[in-house]
PDB file of N, CA and C in Angstrom:
ATOM      1  N   MET A   1     -17.050  40.466  19.324  1.00  0.00           N
ATOM      2  CA  MET A   1     -16.318  39.469  18.804  1.00  0.00           C
ATOM      3  C   MET A   1     -15.716  40.783  17.275  1.00  0.00           C
ATOM      4  N   GLN A   2     -14.209  39.582  17.172  1.00  0.00           N
ATOM      5  CA  GLN A   2     -13.860  40.527  15.835  1.00  0.00           C
ATOM      6  C   GLN A   2     -14.206  39.964  14.805  1.00  0.00           C
ATOM      7  N   PHE A   3     -13.721  40.699  13.597  1.00  0.00           N
ATOM      8  CA  PHE A   3     -14.189  40.107  11.983  1.00  0.00           C
ATOM      9  C   PHE A   3     -13.668  38.856  11.954  1.00  0.00           C
ATOM     10  N   ASP A   4     -12.306  38.539  12.268  1.00  0.00           N
ATOM     11  CA  ASP A   4     -11.381  37.008  11.859  1.00  0.00           C
ATOM     12  C   ASP A   4     -13.049  36.018  12.579  1.00  0.00           C
ATOM     13  N   GLU A   5     -13.847  36.366  13.713  1.00  0.00           N
ATOM     14  CA  GLU A   5     -14.128  35.074  14.394  1.00  0.00           C
ATOM     15  C   GLU A   5     -15.399  35.037  13.685  1.00  0.00           C
ATOM     16  N   GLN A   6     -15.741  36.354  12.535  1.00  0.00           N
ATOM     17  CA  GLN A   6     -17.255  36.316  12.021  1.00  0.00           C
ATOM     18  C   GLN A   6     -17.093  36.231  10.790  1.00  0.00           C
ATOM     19  N   LYS A   7     -15.884  35.841  10.199  1.00  0.00           N
ATOM     20  CA  LYS A   7     -15.618  36.191   8.597  1.00  0.00           C
ATOM     21  C   LYS A   7     -16.406  34.942   7.841  1.00  0.00           C
ATOM     22  N   ASP A   8     -16.578  33.838   8.391  1.00  0.00           N
ATOM     23  CA  ASP A   8     -17.513  32.737   7.931  1.00  0.00           C
ATOM     24  C   ASP A   8     -19.166  33.302   7.532  1.00  0.00           C
ATOM     25  N   GLN A   9     -19.588  34.099   8.774  1.00  0.00           N
ATOM     26  CA  GLN A   9     -20.890  34.647   8.327  1.00  0.00           C
ATOM     27  C   GLN A   9     -20.975  36.100   7.572  1.00  0.00           C
ATOM     28  N   VAL A  10     -19.754  36.512   7.274  1.00  0.00           N
ATOM     29  CA  VAL A  10     -20.115  37.637   6.097  1.00  0.00           C
ATOM     30  C   VAL A  10     -20.615  37.169   4.715  1.00  0.00           C
ATOM     31  N   ALA A  11     -21.175  37.988   4.283  1.00  0.00           N
ATOM     32  CA  ALA A  11     -22.155  37.620   2.857  1.00  0.00           C
ATOM     33  C   ALA A  11     -21.820  38.809   2.158  1.00  0.00           C
ATOM     34  N   VAL A  12     -21.079  38.447   1.009  1.00  0.00           N
ATOM     35  CA  VAL A  12     -20.730  39.811  -0.078  1.00  0.00           C
ATOM     36  C   VAL A  12     -21.726  39.429  -1.181  1.00  0.00           C
ATOM     37  N   GLU A  13     -22.264  40.943  -1.188  1.00  0.00           N
ATOM     38  CA  GLU A  13     -23.202  41.298  -2.008  1.00  0.00           C
ATOM     39  C   GLU A  13     -22.626  41.896  -3.479  1.00  0.00           C
ATOM     40  N   GLN A  14     -23.298  41.516  -4.654  1.00  0.00           N
ATOM     41  CA  GLN A  14     -22.817  42.007  -5.894  1.00  0.00           C
ATOM     42  C   GLN A  14     -24.046  43.075  -6.563  1.00  0.00           C
ATOM     43  N   ILE A  15     -23.707  44.074  -6.743  1.00  0.00           N
ATOM     44  CA  ILE A  15     -24.603  44.383  -7.935  1.00  0.00           C
ATOM     45  C   ILE A  15     -25.056  44.585  -9.069  1.00  0.00           C
ATOM     46  N   LEU A  16     -25.831  43.819  -9.785  1.00  0.00           N
ATOM     47  CA  LEU A  16     -25.896  43.696 -10.926  1.00  0.00           C
ATOM     48  C   LEU A  16     -26.409  44.994 -11.902  1.00  0.00           C
ATOM     49  N   ARG A  17     -26.216  44.766 -13.027  1.00  0.00           N
ATOM     50  CA  ARG A  17     -26.586  45.870 -13.870  1.00  0.00           C
ATOM     51  C   ARG A  17     -27.358  45.298 -14.869  1.00  0.00           C
ATOM     52  N   VAL A  18     -28.431  45.614 -15.119  1.00  0.00           N
ATOM     53  CA  VAL A  18     -29.602  45.097 -16.185  1.00  0.00           C
ATOM     54  C   VAL A  18     -29.663  46.174 -17.342  1.00  0.00           C
ATOM     55  N   ILE A  19     -29.504  45.268 -18.505  1.00  0.00           N
ATOM     56  CA  ILE A  19     -29.204  46.063 -19.630  1.00  0.00           C
ATOM     57  C   ILE A  19     -30.432  45.675 -20.754  1.00  0.00           C
ATOM     58  N   PHE A  20     -30.945  46.738 -20.873  1.00  0.00           N
ATOM     59  CA  PHE A  20     -32.155  46.411 -21.729  1.00  0.00           C
ATOM     60  C   PHE A  20     -32.078  46.151 -23.392  1.00  0.00           C
ATOM     61  N   LEU A  21     -32.163  45.078 -23.954  1.00  0.00           N
ATOM     62  CA  LEU A  21     -31.937  45.150 -25.508  1.00  0.00           C
ATOM     63  C   LEU A  21     -32.908  45.043 -26.411  1.00  0.00           C
ATOM     64  N   ASP A  22     -32.374  45.424 -27.663  1.00  0.00           N
ATOM     65  CA  ASP A  22     -33.608  45.291 -28.534  1.00  0.00           C
ATOM     66  C   ASP A  22     -33.164  44.203 -29.638  1.00  0.00           C
ATOM     67  N   VAL A  23     -33.146  42.999 -29.649  1.00  0.00           N
ATOM     68  CA  VAL A  23     -32.522  42.118 -30.771  1.00  0.00           C
ATOM     69  C   VAL A  23     -32.747  42.649 -31.984  1.00  0.00           C
ATOM     70  N   ASP A  24     -33.695  43.536 -32.671  1.00  0.00           N
ATOM     71  CA  ASP A  24     -33.801  43.958 -33.451  1.00  0.00           C
ATOM     72  C   ASP A  24     -33.311  44.870 -34.285  1.00  0.00           C
ATOM     73  N   ARG A  25     -32.961  45.687 -33.358  1.00  0.00           N
ATOM     74  CA  ARG A  25     -31.972  46.984 -33.358  1.00  0.00           C
ATOM     75  C   ARG A  25     -30.260  46.557 -32.997  1.00  0.00           C
ATOM     76  N   PRO A  26     -28.930  46.537 -33.923  1.00  0.00           N
ATOM     77  CA  PRO A  26     -28.024  46.214 -33.231  1.00  0.00           C
ATOM     78  C   PRO A  26     -27.528  46.901 -32.377  1.00  0.00           C
ATOM     79  N   SER A  27     -26.555  46.648 -31.582  1.00  0.00           N
ATOM     80  CA  SER A  27     -25.885  47.769 -30.505  1.00  0.00           C
ATOM     81  C   SER A  27     -24.717  46.867 -30.150  1.00  0.00           C
ATOM     82  N   ARG A  28     -23.827  47.590 -29.530  1.00  0.00           N
ATOM     83  CA  ARG A  28     -22.612  47.272 -28.633  1.00  0.00           C
ATOM     84  C   ARG A  28     -22.388  45.842 -27.901  1.00  0.00           C
ATOM     85  N   ALA A  29     -23.348  46.440 -27.082  1.00  0.00           N
ATOM     86  CA  ALA A  29     -23.949  45.669 -25.592  1.00  0.00           C
ATOM     87  C   ALA A  29     -24.288  44.271 -26.505  1.00  0.00           C
ATOM     88  N   LEU A  30     -25.210  44.099 -27.324  1.00  0.00           N
ATOM     89  CA  LEU A  30     -25.690  43.127 -27.643  1.00  0.00           C
ATOM     90  C   LEU A  30     -24.819  42.250 -28.476  1.00  0.00           C
ATOM     91  N   GLU A  31     -23.760  42.659 -29.270  1.00  0.00           N
ATOM     92  CA  GLU A  31     -22.852  42.428 -29.791  1.00  0.00           C
ATOM     93  C   GLU A  31     -21.614  41.667 -29.028  1.00  0.00           C
ATOM     94  N   LYS A  32     -21.303  41.989 -27.718  1.00  0.00           N
ATOM     95  CA  LYS A  32     -20.380  41.967 -26.855  1.00  0.00           C
ATOM     96  C   LYS A  32     -21.230  40.663 -26.282  1.00  0.00           C
ATOM     97  N   LEU A  33     -22.452  40.459 -25.961  1.00  0.00           N
ATOM     98  CA  LEU A  33     -23.055  39.510 -25.437  1.00  0.00           C
ATOM     99  C   LEU A  33     -22.776  38.246 -26.280  1.00  0.00           C
ATOM    100  N   LYS A  34     -23.008  37.958 -27.775  1.00  0.00           N
ATOM    101  CA  LYS A  34     -23.090  37.192 -28.991  1.00  0.00           C
ATOM    102  C   LYS A  34     -21.585  36.595 -28.599  1.00  0.00           C
ATOM    103  N   ARG A  35     -20.818  37.506 -28.643  1.00  0.00           N
ATOM    104  CA  ARG A  35     -19.200  37.220 -28.444  1.00  0.00           C
ATOM    105  C   ARG A  35     -19.068  36.214 -27.359  1.00  0.00           C
ATOM    106  N   MET A  36     -19.407  36.902 -26.080  1.00  0.00           N
ATOM    107  CA  MET A  36     -19.018  36.234 -24.744  1.00  0.00           C
ATOM    108  C   MET A  36     -19.894  34.576 -25.154  1.00  0.00           C
ATOM    109  N   LEU A  37     -20.827  34.623 -25.451  1.00  0.00           N
ATOM    110  CA  LEU A  37     -21.773  33.530 -25.661  1.00  0.00           C
ATOM    111  C   LEU A  37     -21.102  32.720 -26.915  1.00  0.00           C
ATOM    112  N   ALA A  38     -20.270  32.934 -27.451  1.00  0.00           N
ATOM    113  CA  ALA A  38     -19.956  32.211 -28.274  1.00  0.00           C
ATOM    114  C   ALA A  38     -18.302  31.638 -28.054  1.00  0.00           C
ATOM    115  N   GLU A  39     -17.985  32.529 -27.227  1.00  0.00           N
ATOM    116  CA  GLU A  39     -17.080  32.288 -26.580  1.00  0.00           C
ATOM    117  C   GLU A  39     -16.804  31.018 -25.506  1.00  0.00           C
ATOM    118  N   ALA A  40     -18.157  30.998 -24.768  1.00  0.00           N
ATOM    119  CA  ALA A  40     -18.654  30.439 -23.784  1.00  0.00           C
ATOM    120  C   ALA A  40     -18.899  28.793 -24.145  1.00  0.00           C
ATOM    121  N   GLU A  41     -19.629  28.575 -25.557  1.00  0.00           N
ATOM    122  CA  GLU A  41     -19.898  27.677 -26.141  1.00  0.00           C
ATOM    123  C   GLU A  41     -18.606  26.848 -26.733  1.00  0.00           C
ATOM    124  N   ALA A  42     -17.801  27.644 -27.203  1.00  0.00           N
ATOM    125  CA  ALA A  42     -16.896  27.105 -27.644  1.00  0.00           C
ATOM    126  C   ALA A  42     -15.763  26.229 -26.839  1.00  0.00           C
ATOM    127  N   GLU A  43     -15.693  27.028 -25.504  1.00  0.00           N
ATOM    128  CA  GLU A  43     -15.106  26.455 -24.506  1.00  0.00           C
ATOM    129  C   GLU A  43     -15.755  25.173 -23.853  1.00  0.00           C
ATOM    130  N   LEU A  44     -16.674  25.382 -23.848  1.00  0.00           N
ATOM    131  CA  LEU A  44     -17.671  23.988 -23.250  1.00  0.00           C
ATOM    132  C   LEU A  44     -17.196  22.765 -24.446  1.00  0.00           C
ATOM    133  N   GLU A  45     -17.651  22.979 -25.782  1.00  0.00           N
ATOM    134  CA  GLU A  45     -16.930  22.096 -26.737  1.00  0.00           C
ATOM    135  C   GLU A  45     -15.489  21.402 -26.682  1.00  0.00           C
ATOM    136  N   ALA A  46     -14.792  22.467 -26.210  1.00  0.00           N
ATOM    137  CA  ALA A  46     -13.175  21.983 -25.737  1.00  0.00           C
ATOM    138  C   ALA A  46     -13.223  20.964 -24.969  1.00  0.00           C
ATOM    139  N   ARG A  47     -13.677  21.422 -23.702  1.00  0.00           N
ATOM    140  CA  ARG A  47     -14.042  20.419 -22.670  1.00  0.00           C
ATOM    141  C   ARG A  47     -14.458  19.007 -22.675  1.00  0.00           C
ATOM    142  N   LYS A  48     -15.658  19.131 -23.907  1.00  0.00           N
ATOM    143  CA  LYS A  48     -16.603  17.894 -23.821  1.00  0.00           C
ATOM    144  C   LYS A  48     -15.272  16.766 -24.850  1.00  0.00           C
ATOM    145  N   LYS A  49     -14.490  17.253 -25.471  1.00  0.00           N
ATOM    146  CA  LYS A  49     -13.292  16.510 -26.059  1.00  0.00           C
ATOM    147  C   LYS A  49     -12.463  16.053 -25.287  1.00  0.00           C
ATOM    148  N   PRO A  50     -12.112  14.641 -25.920  1.00  0.00           N
ATOM    149  CA  PRO A  50     -11.533  13.712 -25.028  1.00  0.00           C
ATOM    150  C   PRO A  50     -10.099  14.030 -25.084  1.00  0.00           C
ATOM    151  N   PRO A  51      -9.346  13.927 -24.122  1.00  0.00           N
ATOM    152  CA  PRO A  51      -7.764  14.411 -24.221  1.00  0.00           C
ATOM    153  C   PRO A  51      -6.907  13.777 -25.355  1.00  0.00           C
ATOM    154  N   GLU A  52      -5.892  14.374 -26.005  1.00  0.00           N
ATOM    155  CA  GLU A  52      -5.175  14.028 -26.766  1.00  0.00           C
ATOM    156  C   GLU A  52      -4.390  12.589 -26.487  1.00  0.00           C
ATOM    157  N   ASP A  53      -3.785  11.766 -27.144  1.00  0.00           N
ATOM    158  CA  ASP A  53      -3.043  10.880 -26.895  1.00  0.00           C
ATOM    159  C   ASP A  53      -1.917  11.062 -27.138  1.00  0.00           C
ATOM    160  N   ASN A  54      -0.937  11.301 -25.862  1.00  0.00           N
ATOM    161  CA  ASN A  54       0.291  11.420 -26.286  1.00  0.00           C
ATOM    162  C   ASN A  54       1.334  10.157 -26.023  1.00  0.00           C
ATOM    163  N   GLY A  55       0.749   9.544 -26.820  1.00  0.00           N
ATOM    164  CA  GLY A  55       1.639   8.038 -26.739  1.00  0.00           C
ATOM    165  C   GLY A  55       1.018   6.990 -25.389  1.00  0.00           C
ATOM    166  N   PRO A  56       1.971   6.050 -25.072  1.00  0.00           N
ATOM    167  CA  PRO A  56       1.757   5.236 -24.535  1.00  0.00           C
ATOM    168  C   PRO A  56       2.242   5.717 -22.688  1.00  0.00           C
ATOM    169  N   LYS A  57       1.221   5.374 -21.871  1.00  0.00           N
ATOM    170  CA  LYS A  57       1.404   5.900 -20.763  1.00  0.00           C
ATOM    171  C   LYS A  57       1.448   4.792 -19.668  1.00  0.00           C
ATOM    172  N   ILE A  58       2.934   5.220 -18.719  1.00  0.00           N
ATOM    173  CA  ILE A  58       2.984   4.239 -17.847  1.00  0.00           C
ATOM    174  C   ILE A  58       2.552   4.432 -16.361  1.00  0.00           C
ATOM    175  N   ILE A  59       1.727   3.009 -16.093  1.00  0.00           N
ATOM    176  CA  ILE A  59       0.970   3.092 -14.843  1.00  0.00           C
ATOM    177  C   ILE A  59       2.050   2.562 -13.870  1.00  0.00           C
ATOM    178  N   GLY A  60       2.027   3.083 -12.679  1.00  0.00           N
ATOM    179  CA  GLY A  60       2.592   2.557 -11.553  1.00  0.00           C
ATOM    180  C   GLY A  60       4.241   2.368 -11.945  1.00  0.00           C
ATOM    181  N   GLU A  61       4.874   3.173 -12.367  1.00  0.00           N
ATOM    182  CA  GLU A  61       6.331   3.302 -12.410  1.00  0.00           C
ATOM    183  C   GLU A  61       7.242   2.685 -11.681  1.00  0.00           C
ATOM    184  N   GLY A  62       7.789   1.650 -11.700  1.00  0.00           N
ATOM    185  CA  GLY A  62       8.606   1.367 -10.759  1.00  0.00           C
ATOM    186  C   GLY A  62       8.228   0.503  -9.602  1.00  0.00           C
ATOM    187  N   LEU A  63       7.033  -0.278 -10.078  1.00  0.00           N
ATOM    188  CA  LEU A  63       6.119  -1.444  -9.095  1.00  0.00           C
ATOM    189  C   LEU A  63       7.316  -2.594  -9.413  1.00  0.00           C
ATOM    190  N   VAL A  64       7.360  -2.979 -10.561  1.00  0.00           N
ATOM    191  CA  VAL A  64       7.780  -4.094 -10.686  1.00  0.00           C
ATOM    192  C   VAL A  64       9.449  -4.310 -10.169  1.00  0.00           C
ATOM    193  N   THR A  65      10.079  -3.325 -10.623  1.00  0.00           N
ATOM    194  CA  THR A  65      11.443  -2.914  -9.778  1.00  0.00           C
ATOM    195  C   THR A  65      11.193  -3.204  -8.715  1.00  0.00           C
ATOM    196  N   ASP A  66      10.381  -2.768  -8.019  1.00  0.00           N
ATOM    197  CA  ASP A  66      10.234  -3.061  -6.337  1.00  0.00           C
ATOM    198  C   ASP A  66       9.925  -4.039  -5.742  1.00  0.00           C
ATOM    199  N   GLU A  67       9.242  -4.771  -6.729  1.00  0.00           N
ATOM    200  CA  GLU A  67       8.945  -6.244  -6.554  1.00  0.00           C
ATOM    201  C   GLU A  67      10.322  -7.261  -6.610  1.00  0.00           C
ATOM    202  N   TRP A  68      10.790  -7.046  -7.645  1.00  0.00           N
ATOM    203  CA  TRP A  68      11.914  -7.818  -7.723  1.00  0.00           C
ATOM    204  C   TRP A  68      13.040  -7.291  -7.018  1.00  0.00           C
ATOM    205  N   LEU A  69      13.290  -6.154  -6.571  1.00  0.00           N
ATOM    206  CA  LEU A  69      14.144  -5.927  -5.415  1.00  0.00           C
ATOM    207  C   LEU A  69      13.764  -6.534  -4.196  1.00  0.00           C
ATOM    208  N   GLU A  70      12.664  -6.575  -3.704  1.00  0.00           N
ATOM    209  CA  GLU A  70      11.931  -7.480  -2.547  1.00  0.00           C
ATOM    210  C   GLU A  70      12.250  -9.058  -2.374  1.00  0.00           C
ATOM    211  N   LEU A  71      11.964  -9.619  -3.746  1.00  0.00           N
ATOM    212  CA  LEU A  71      12.406 -11.112  -4.032  1.00  0.00           C
ATOM    213  C   LEU A  71      14.047 -11.226  -3.891  1.00  0.00           C
ATOM    214  N   VAL A  72      14.670 -10.478  -4.506  1.00  0.00           N
ATOM    215  CA  VAL A  72      16.423 -10.910  -4.677  1.00  0.00           C
ATOM    216  C   VAL A  72      16.575 -10.454  -3.239  1.00  0.00           C
ATOM    217  N   ALA A  73      16.166  -9.636  -2.092  1.00  0.00           N
ATOM    218  CA  ALA A  73      16.414  -9.563  -1.165  1.00  0.00           C
ATOM    219  C   ALA A  73      16.321 -11.000  -0.390  1.00  0.00           C
ATOM    220  N   THR A  74      15.072 -11.469  -0.250  1.00  0.00           N
ATOM    221  CA  THR A  74      14.861 -12.612   0.337  1.00  0.00           C
ATOM    222  C   THR A  74      15.516 -14.041   0.169  1.00  0.00           C
ATOM    223  N   PHE A  75      16.256 -13.459  -1.277  1.00  0.00           N
ATOM    224  CA  PHE A  75      17.121 -15.187  -0.953  1.00  0.00           C
ATOM    225  C   PHE A  75      18.443 -14.591  -0.732  1.00  0.00           C
TER     226      PHE A  75
END
């Protein structure tokens, strides 16, 4: 069998790095994690907000015109 035939069965592994942090002692790694967490929380809050209203929305644009043209065509 070739790779193309088995590509659905191939598992990709990722090696994760473990860093032990002391929350009582400041470190660059801890500050980076705090910043990443703050950014993720801000993104989550932004997703929760309803989209801005940009004025009236046209739903089914052209449908009335299409119906009118059908009526005119029948006469």
